[in-house]
Structures are given as C-alpha cells and as structure tokens.
Amino acid sequence: MTSAGAGESGRLLRTFRESRGWTQERLANASGVSVRTIGNLENERIGRPRQSSVLALCRALQLSRAEADRVLRELRRARRPAAVPDPAPPRRGGQPPHDPGCLAPPVHGTELLGRAEDLRRLGHVLEQHRAATLTGPPGIGKSRVAAEHALRAEGPVWFVDLAQDDTREVLAALTADLRGGRTRPPALLVLDNADDALDAVSRLAAFLLRSADNRTRLLTTSREPLGLALESSWQLGPITAPRGPTRQGVLGSPAGRLFVQRATEAAPFWSLTEANCAAVAHLCTALDGHPLALELAASQLSAMTLEDILSRMPHQLDLLERRRAPQQGHHQSLRQALQRSWIRLRPIEQRVFAAVSVFRGGFSLEAAEHLVAGTGRGAEAGSALDTARALRDLVTQSLVTVHRYDDQLRYRLIGPLRAFAVERSVEAGHHSALRHRHAQYYCTLAEHHARLVESGMTVRLLPCDEENVRAAAHHARVLGDLVLWTRIMRTRLCFSEALGRPGPNA
C-alpha cells in the first residue's frame, strides 16, 4: 500500500513527463533511473521511493525550482510520520515545528558542476564532526553545495535559509521548540546564509552540540566560521577554469561546462565552436572560475557577443547582473552581493581590501603593509600590525584567499572581488597613488633580485611576483613615470637574459 504523498509525487512526475512529450524510456535514458522504477513510481507501486531517484528525474525533466519543490514536498509528506492529533505531546523525531515545505532543501534543475570533491569532503567531515561550516565569498556556491548535500542525506533534514525574511521567525520558533523539548531534532539541520544571524545560530548550535541525547549534524553556510569548539570549517573556492584555449579544454573544466550550459540556456542559438572556444576559455580564466560571475556573464549572450562581453571585463560588475527577477535564493547582481559583505567590514578592513586590489595574482604581507601605509594620514593610516590583523580578518571572512608557495604565503583576490575592490579604491581617491606605490615596491624588489643574479646567485621570483613586476611596469608607463618604467624594464631584461628567455615587452 502506498501513501498519498508518494502517489501524488508520482502523478506529478508523470504529468511533467507527458507535457514534454517524453516516453518513460526517454526519461530513463536522460536520468539514469530504470524504466521499471519510473513505471512503479508513476503507477503508485512504490511506497517510499528513493529521494535521489526522484531528484534525478526532476533534473532530467529540467523542472523549474517551483515544480521540483512541489514534487519533493509531496515525497517528504509521504516519508514523514503521521501527525500527532494532540498537539501537546512532543512531535515525532525529525518532524519540524512548522510547515515542512518551508524547511525542505531547495531543488535545482541543473547539474552541480565541479563540486564532487567538495561534496565528498563535506560528507566525510559530517561523519567525523557534528558541526561543519562551509565558508566562502558571495556567489561562490555555498548554498548550492549545502542544498545538494541535504538532498542526498538520509533521515529527516531541515533546511533553513536565513536570507529569507520569514525564516528568521522559523529559526526563533525552532530554537524555542528544541529547547522546550516540544520537537525532536532532525538528523541534519542546515542553516544557510547565517551571516546576519551568527549570534542566534551560534547559540542554537551550542545547545544542540551540548545535548548528549541527540546526534543531530549541523551544517552552516556563512562568510566566516561560527567559532565553536566542535566545529570543522573550510573555505569553498572557485571551480576549475579551462587549462587550454581549445574546445576540449573548455568542456574538460567545470567552469567551461558551466558557462556553456548557462549560455545555451540563455541563447539557444549559441554553441561552443572551435572559433569561439579560446574566447570562452579566456573569459572563464578572467572570472577566476567564480560560479555566479560565470552564470551572469553567460546570461548576457542573449543580447551580446563574446567579444562584447570580453571587451567590457574592466567594468565587469556593470555587466554581471540579471535583467529579470532572480529565483528565490539567487543573487540579483554580483555587485549587490559584494556590497552586503563590504558594509559589514570595519574601516581598516575596508581600507586594506581596497588597497590590495592593485595587485595582480598573489601578494605578500610585506607588500600589503607597504601599500596600505600610503592610504591614510596620521592615526588613520594604522600600523603594520593593524594591516596584518585586517588581512587576517579578510581571510576569515572569505574576501581574501591565502596560498602557500614553497615556504612562503601569498594572498590573493578572486577576479570579481578584485574588480569590486578597485571600484572602492577609485571612490576613495587612492587608486592612482596605490598604483604608483605598487610600481615603486616591485621595482625595488626586482632590482634587489637582479643584483643577486648579477652576483652569480641563483634566485627566482615567484610566478605571482613576476606578474606584479609586469603590472608595475604597466602602472609606471600609464602614470607617466618613465624613469620608474625604465628601471623596471632594465631589471626584467636582466632576468630574461639570466634565464635565457626572450626580452620583455611592456
């Protein structure tokens, strides 16, 4: 005997399949779900169908988020234990305190690209720890990864999106119910977009983790960790960009596939060809594999060419926005998403974030301290220690990434974040002065290394430092400091001769 919810989800899937003119065989080929399972589901012969199978069918049918949510809501209604007539006794295990539809993980009709390792790691972390926080800059895909994990999880799952106004009330009610023992916690509780409610989320998390009589796993997404003793956190990075300007290189990378997928959705007449694959690879690299930036750039192809988009990369934030209202939970524009992070920063953090926009590739702490020292007067400028602390906090808040090269640390801004930081630097009136200080710093650095090379020592610049020396030459030339430009070019020529490379161009 099947439950009403399971039967309704099967009938919905059959309706969506037939409206597209698909046979069960075609849906099976597209989803990887057997024809027998599809038939049993549609004919209400499965009492408790696997959520993963239903999710695969929703994706294959390319259902909208609202349609897929409706199917999964009916499926969860079938799985949920029968309601207790008397509201006074405690709710049954995993039954949420409000309409479960609002606590269901969101369903996306498209494949999640480039995150298989992150999902594997997240599953492993939550096996070892009861609390995990997924951090990362705006638009990097934290919510999508968390939702995908929740959809694959076994047992009752509550998904609370704290970016929605009404779910703040749900969080407060949920906390009260859990503390009062009126409901049992689920197997997995996901608190998405916790940035504006870190204190409340931390209190709820601390309560759950102190409770020895439940084994609830807590997954939080935020720009920064909660700071709990039992918490495991890591920063979600960009997806991999194409390694070469070929069609194979584009389709062999998650960033390339994401751009192509979104581009063909926005502009059905567009396709990846041998003629445009180099431009696609260049665009994916210029956007540093940032998922939201790639999606927004691809959406422009309905009215622009690839060349139009690439030529406007210096003003990419004016371009990377949706022309129509986004689906629930989607960012309207990259600038708006970054602005919300900017206004949360302390003044010294804002000053450091804007100052480091002048770097290309990675940069050292010493280089950052040198630049920031020239962006303020007197006490406003702050000390080198202030800059170091601010840079540390920017890393914690996922606005700056940090990498290790041999035994050295280098910091870096992802491309779209750097574009936003440049705007803030220009607004503050510091950008030209920062470029000049940048050119002076890397001229001095390069001259020091050149002297070592001339003395017969074997030295090398890190790739990111070489990139900054090239940028320094460009800054000096654009700013009209020909003396500085000549000094930089002389050192570059010295390195080229020592390494047997062709002479530099600037």
Foldseek 3Di string as FASTA:
>chain_A
DADPLQQVLLCLLVVLCVVVVHDLVVLCVQQVNDSVVNVCSNVRVDRQDQLSSSLSSLLSSLPAQVSSLSSVLSNVVSVDPDFDPDLPAATPALDAPDRQSQFQQTHGNHDDFQCPVVLVVVVVVVVVFQEEEEAAAPQQQPSVSVSVNQSNDDWREGAQEPVDPVSVVSLVVRLVCVVVNNYHHIQEYEYEACAVPLPSVLVSVVVVVPDPVDRHRYYYYALFDSPDPRYHYDYRDAWDAFPDQAPCSLVVTRLSVLLQVLLCVLPVVDHDDRVCSNLSSVVCVLQPRRNLLSNQLSNCNNPDDSVVQVVCLLVSQVRRADPDDDDPPDDRGPLVSVVVVLVPDDLLLLLLLLLCLLADDWDALVLSQQLLCPLDDDPSSPHSVSSVVSVVVCCNSNQKPWDDDPNGITIGGRNVSSSSSPVSCVVSVNNLVSLQSLLVVLLVVLVVVLVCVVVPDDDDDDPSSVVSLVSSLVSCVVSVVVVSNVSSQVSQQSVCVSVVHPRDDD
